[in-house]
Amino acid sequence: MSPGPAAIEVVDLTKTYGEVTAVAGLAFAVARGRTVALLGPNGAGKTTTIAMLLGLLEPTTGTVRILGEEMPRRRARVLPRMNFTSPYVDLPQRLTVRQNLRVYAELYAVARPKDRIAELARDLDLTELIDRPFGRLSAGQKTRVLLAKALINEPELLLLDEPTASLDPDTADQLRGHLERYQARHHATVLLASHNMGEVERLAHHVLMLRRGRLVDQGSPDDLLARYGRDDLEDVFLDIARQRRQPAPVE
Protein backbone atom coordinates (compact mmCIF):
# COMPACT_ATOMS: atom_id res chain seq x y z
CA MET A 1 0.00 0.00 0.00
CA SER A 2 1.31 3.44 -0.92
CA PRO A 3 1.58 6.12 1.80
CA GLY A 4 -1.16 8.72 2.10
CA PRO A 5 -4.84 8.39 1.25
CA ALA A 6 -6.00 6.01 -1.45
CA ALA A 7 -6.25 7.41 -4.96
CA ILE A 8 -9.94 6.44 -5.05
CA GLU A 9 -12.20 5.89 -2.03
CA VAL A 10 -15.85 4.99 -2.59
CA VAL A 11 -18.30 4.42 0.27
CA ASP A 12 -21.94 3.34 -0.16
CA LEU A 13 -22.08 4.88 -3.64
CA THR A 14 -25.59 4.81 -5.13
CA LYS A 15 -27.11 6.45 -8.19
CA THR A 16 -30.80 6.21 -9.03
CA TYR A 17 -32.87 7.60 -11.88
CA GLY A 18 -36.47 7.52 -10.71
CA GLU A 19 -37.34 3.83 -10.37
CA VAL A 20 -34.04 2.68 -11.92
CA THR A 21 -30.98 2.00 -9.77
CA ALA A 22 -27.84 2.27 -11.90
CA VAL A 23 -25.36 1.86 -9.04
CA ALA A 24 -26.25 0.33 -5.68
CA GLY A 25 -24.08 0.74 -2.58
CA LEU A 26 -20.62 0.40 -4.11
CA ALA A 27 -17.70 0.44 -1.69
CA PHE A 28 -14.06 0.05 -2.73
CA ALA A 29 -10.66 1.72 -2.55
CA VAL A 30 -7.83 1.90 -5.06
CA ALA A 31 -4.32 2.31 -3.64
CA ARG A 32 -1.98 4.76 -5.31
CA GLY A 33 0.20 3.30 -8.02
CA ARG A 34 -2.09 0.34 -8.72
CA THR A 35 -4.21 -0.67 -11.70
CA VAL A 36 -7.75 -1.80 -10.88
CA ALA A 37 -10.14 -3.15 -13.52
CA LEU A 38 -13.84 -2.32 -13.32
CA LEU A 39 -15.63 -5.14 -15.12
CA GLY A 40 -19.19 -6.12 -15.85
CA PRO A 41 -21.67 -6.67 -18.69
CA ASN A 42 -23.38 -3.78 -20.44
CA GLY A 43 -25.70 -2.07 -17.98
CA ALA A 44 -23.65 -3.12 -14.94
CA GLY A 45 -23.04 0.49 -13.90
CA LYS A 46 -19.44 1.01 -15.04
CA THR A 47 -20.03 4.22 -17.00
CA THR A 48 -22.20 5.70 -14.26
CA THR A 49 -19.54 4.89 -11.68
CA ILE A 50 -16.80 6.52 -13.76
CA ALA A 51 -18.97 9.62 -14.26
CA MET A 52 -19.35 9.94 -10.50
CA LEU A 53 -15.62 9.48 -9.98
CA LEU A 54 -15.05 12.34 -12.44
CA GLY A 55 -17.57 14.51 -10.62
CA LEU A 56 -19.83 14.68 -13.67
CA LEU A 57 -22.72 13.06 -11.82
CA GLU A 58 -23.88 13.76 -8.28
CA PRO A 59 -24.35 10.54 -6.28
CA THR A 60 -27.82 9.91 -4.90
CA THR A 61 -26.16 8.69 -1.72
CA GLY A 62 -22.63 7.85 -0.66
CA THR A 63 -19.26 9.52 -0.96
CA VAL A 64 -16.38 9.64 -3.43
CA ARG A 65 -12.90 10.86 -2.58
CA ILE A 66 -10.32 11.25 -5.35
CA LEU A 67 -6.66 11.83 -4.39
CA GLY A 68 -7.88 12.81 -0.94
CA GLU A 69 -10.50 15.31 -2.17
CA GLU A 70 -14.27 14.95 -1.93
CA MET A 71 -16.09 14.76 -5.26
CA PRO A 72 -17.87 16.58 -6.77
CA ARG A 73 -17.54 19.38 -4.16
CA ARG A 74 -13.75 19.69 -4.56
CA ARG A 75 -13.71 18.78 -8.24
CA ALA A 76 -11.79 21.89 -9.31
CA ARG A 77 -8.90 20.98 -7.01
CA VAL A 78 -8.49 17.42 -8.26
CA LEU A 79 -9.28 17.55 -12.00
CA PRO A 80 -5.84 18.96 -12.95
CA ARG A 81 -4.29 15.84 -11.41
CA MET A 82 -6.39 13.28 -13.29
CA ASN A 83 -7.59 12.51 -16.82
CA PHE A 84 -9.93 10.24 -18.71
CA THR A 85 -10.23 8.60 -22.10
CA SER A 86 -12.99 6.75 -23.91
CA PRO A 87 -13.37 5.91 -27.60
CA TYR A 88 -17.00 6.96 -27.23
CA VAL A 89 -16.07 10.60 -26.52
CA ASP A 90 -15.14 12.65 -29.58
CA LEU A 91 -12.89 15.66 -30.09
CA PRO A 92 -13.70 18.59 -32.42
CA GLN A 93 -13.70 17.07 -35.90
CA ARG A 94 -12.31 20.04 -37.83
CA LEU A 95 -9.36 20.69 -35.55
CA THR A 96 -6.14 18.88 -36.33
CA VAL A 97 -4.61 16.44 -33.89
CA ARG A 98 -2.04 19.07 -32.92
CA GLN A 99 -4.72 21.73 -32.39
CA ASN A 100 -6.84 19.42 -30.26
CA LEU A 101 -3.89 18.46 -28.08
CA ARG A 102 -2.85 22.11 -27.78
CA VAL A 103 -6.33 23.01 -26.50
CA TYR A 104 -6.04 20.41 -23.73
CA ALA A 105 -2.46 21.40 -22.97
CA GLU A 106 -3.71 24.95 -22.39
CA LEU A 107 -6.65 23.75 -20.28
CA TYR A 108 -4.28 21.79 -18.04
CA ALA A 109 -1.62 24.54 -18.03
CA VAL A 110 1.00 22.10 -19.34
CA ALA A 111 4.52 23.50 -19.24
CA ARG A 112 6.24 23.54 -22.65
CA PRO A 113 3.14 22.25 -24.50
CA LYS A 114 4.93 22.05 -27.85
CA ASP A 115 7.52 19.67 -26.40
CA ARG A 116 4.88 17.61 -24.58
CA ILE A 117 2.81 17.20 -27.74
CA ALA A 118 5.87 16.17 -29.73
CA GLU A 119 6.78 13.62 -27.06
CA LEU A 120 3.30 12.08 -27.11
CA ALA A 121 3.28 12.03 -30.91
CA ARG A 122 6.50 10.01 -30.87
CA ASP A 123 5.38 7.65 -28.10
CA LEU A 124 1.94 6.95 -29.59
CA ASP A 125 2.95 6.93 -33.27
CA LEU A 126 1.02 10.09 -34.14
CA THR A 127 3.75 12.03 -35.95
CA GLU A 128 2.32 11.44 -39.42
CA LEU A 129 -1.19 12.31 -38.20
CA ILE A 130 -0.36 15.41 -36.18
CA ASP A 131 -1.61 17.95 -38.74
CA ARG A 132 -4.57 15.92 -40.00
CA PRO A 133 -8.11 16.88 -38.95
CA PHE A 134 -9.38 14.61 -36.21
CA GLY A 135 -12.55 13.88 -38.20
CA ARG A 136 -10.52 12.30 -41.01
CA LEU A 137 -8.85 9.70 -38.82
CA SER A 138 -9.76 6.03 -38.62
CA ALA A 139 -11.32 4.67 -35.43
CA GLY A 140 -8.00 3.20 -34.33
CA GLN A 141 -6.13 6.44 -35.00
CA LYS A 142 -8.71 8.38 -33.00
CA THR A 143 -8.23 5.98 -30.09
CA ARG A 144 -4.50 6.76 -30.02
CA VAL A 145 -5.17 10.51 -30.14
CA LEU A 146 -7.65 10.22 -27.27
CA LEU A 147 -5.04 8.41 -25.19
CA ALA A 148 -2.56 11.20 -25.97
CA LYS A 149 -5.18 13.68 -24.74
CA ALA A 150 -5.56 11.67 -21.53
CA LEU A 151 -1.80 11.72 -20.90
CA ILE A 152 -1.21 15.37 -21.84
CA ASN A 153 -1.04 16.55 -18.21
CA GLU A 154 0.89 13.51 -16.91
CA PRO A 155 -2.00 12.60 -14.58
CA GLU A 156 -1.62 10.94 -11.21
CA LEU A 157 -4.93 9.15 -11.80
CA LEU A 158 -5.99 7.84 -15.19
CA LEU A 159 -9.50 6.56 -15.90
CA LEU A 160 -9.54 4.37 -19.01
CA ASP A 161 -12.71 3.20 -20.73
CA GLU A 162 -11.86 0.59 -23.38
CA PRO A 163 -8.43 2.19 -24.05
CA THR A 164 -7.47 -0.16 -26.90
CA ALA A 165 -10.85 -0.45 -28.65
CA SER A 166 -10.59 -0.39 -32.46
CA LEU A 167 -6.84 -1.06 -32.39
CA ASP A 168 -5.19 -3.93 -34.22
CA PRO A 169 -3.40 -6.45 -31.94
CA ASP A 170 0.09 -5.06 -32.63
CA THR A 171 -0.84 -1.43 -31.93
CA ALA A 172 -2.91 -2.43 -28.88
CA ASP A 173 0.06 -4.34 -27.48
CA GLN A 174 2.33 -1.32 -28.00
CA LEU A 175 -0.14 0.96 -26.21
CA ARG A 176 -0.44 -1.43 -23.28
CA GLY A 177 3.33 -1.40 -23.01
CA HIS A 178 3.30 2.39 -23.07
CA LEU A 179 0.71 2.47 -20.28
CA GLU A 180 2.79 0.07 -18.18
CA ARG A 181 5.89 2.23 -18.61
CA TYR A 182 3.96 5.41 -17.88
CA GLN A 183 2.54 3.96 -14.68
CA ALA A 184 5.91 2.69 -13.50
CA ARG A 185 7.66 6.00 -14.29
CA HIS A 186 5.03 8.23 -12.66
CA HIS A 187 3.67 5.84 -10.01
CA ALA A 188 0.26 6.61 -11.51
CA THR A 189 -3.01 4.99 -10.51
CA VAL A 190 -5.22 3.50 -13.24
CA LEU A 191 -8.88 2.50 -13.21
CA LEU A 192 -9.54 0.39 -16.29
CA ALA A 193 -12.92 -0.54 -17.76
CA SER A 194 -12.43 -3.10 -20.52
CA HIS A 195 -14.11 -6.06 -22.19
CA ASN A 196 -10.70 -7.39 -23.27
CA MET A 197 -9.92 -9.98 -20.62
CA GLY A 198 -6.38 -10.53 -21.89
CA GLU A 199 -5.77 -6.83 -21.37
CA VAL A 200 -7.17 -7.03 -17.86
CA GLU A 201 -5.02 -10.03 -16.96
CA ARG A 202 -1.94 -8.20 -18.22
CA LEU A 203 -2.52 -4.78 -16.67
CA ALA A 204 -4.71 -5.15 -13.58
CA HIS A 205 -3.50 -5.82 -10.06
CA HIS A 206 -7.07 -6.12 -8.82
CA VAL A 207 -10.49 -6.67 -10.41
CA LEU A 208 -13.90 -5.34 -9.35
CA MET A 209 -16.78 -7.35 -10.83
CA LEU A 210 -20.11 -5.52 -11.20
CA ARG A 211 -23.54 -6.87 -12.03
CA ARG A 212 -26.70 -4.75 -12.10
CA GLY A 213 -24.98 -1.91 -10.30
CA ARG A 214 -23.62 -4.00 -7.44
CA LEU A 215 -20.15 -5.22 -6.59
CA VAL A 216 -20.53 -9.01 -6.68
CA ASP A 217 -16.91 -10.18 -6.48
CA GLN A 218 -13.35 -8.89 -6.47
CA GLY A 219 -9.76 -10.03 -6.24
CA SER A 220 -6.58 -10.30 -8.25
CA PRO A 221 -6.92 -12.00 -11.65
CA ASP A 222 -5.14 -15.06 -10.25
CA ASP A 223 -7.41 -15.14 -7.18
CA LEU A 224 -10.54 -15.02 -9.34
CA LEU A 225 -9.26 -17.75 -11.67
CA ALA A 226 -8.56 -20.00 -8.69
CA ARG A 227 -11.84 -19.20 -6.94
CA TYR A 228 -13.96 -20.05 -9.99
CA GLY A 229 -11.79 -22.94 -11.10
CA ARG A 230 -11.13 -21.38 -14.49
CA ASP A 231 -8.08 -20.96 -16.72
CA ASP A 232 -9.33 -17.84 -18.48
CA LEU A 233 -10.67 -14.61 -17.00
CA GLU A 234 -13.28 -14.42 -19.76
CA ASP A 235 -14.87 -17.58 -18.37
CA VAL A 236 -14.94 -15.99 -14.91
CA PHE A 237 -16.60 -12.89 -16.44
CA LEU A 238 -19.26 -15.07 -18.09
CA ASP A 239 -19.83 -17.09 -14.90
CA ILE A 240 -20.52 -13.90 -12.96
CA ALA A 241 -22.50 -12.12 -15.70
CA ARG A 242 -24.74 -15.16 -16.28
CA GLN A 243 -24.80 -16.32 -12.65
CA ARG A 244 -24.07 -19.80 -13.92
CA ARG A 245 -21.36 -20.89 -11.51
CA GLN A 246 -20.52 -20.09 -7.90
CA PRO A 247 -16.93 -19.58 -6.74
CA ALA A 248 -15.21 -22.52 -5.11
CA PRO A 249 -15.23 -22.39 -1.29
CA VAL A 250 -12.10 -20.91 0.29
CA GLU A 251 -10.23 -23.56 2.28
Foldseek 3Di string as FASTA:
>chain_A
DDPDAFQKFWAQFWAADVVATQAGGDTDTHHFLFEEEEEADPSLNPVVVVCQQLQNDDTPDTWMAGRRHTPPVCNVVQVLQFFEFDLVDDDPQAAFLQRRLVVLCVVSVPPPLVVLVVVLCVLLVCVVRRRPGLNPDDSQSNLSSRVSSRPSSLHQEYEYEASRPPHDPVSSVSVLVVVVVSSVVNSHYYYYYHPPQVSCLVGHQKYFYTGSNYGDDMGGLVVLCQQQVHDGVNVSNVCVNVVPGGGHDDD
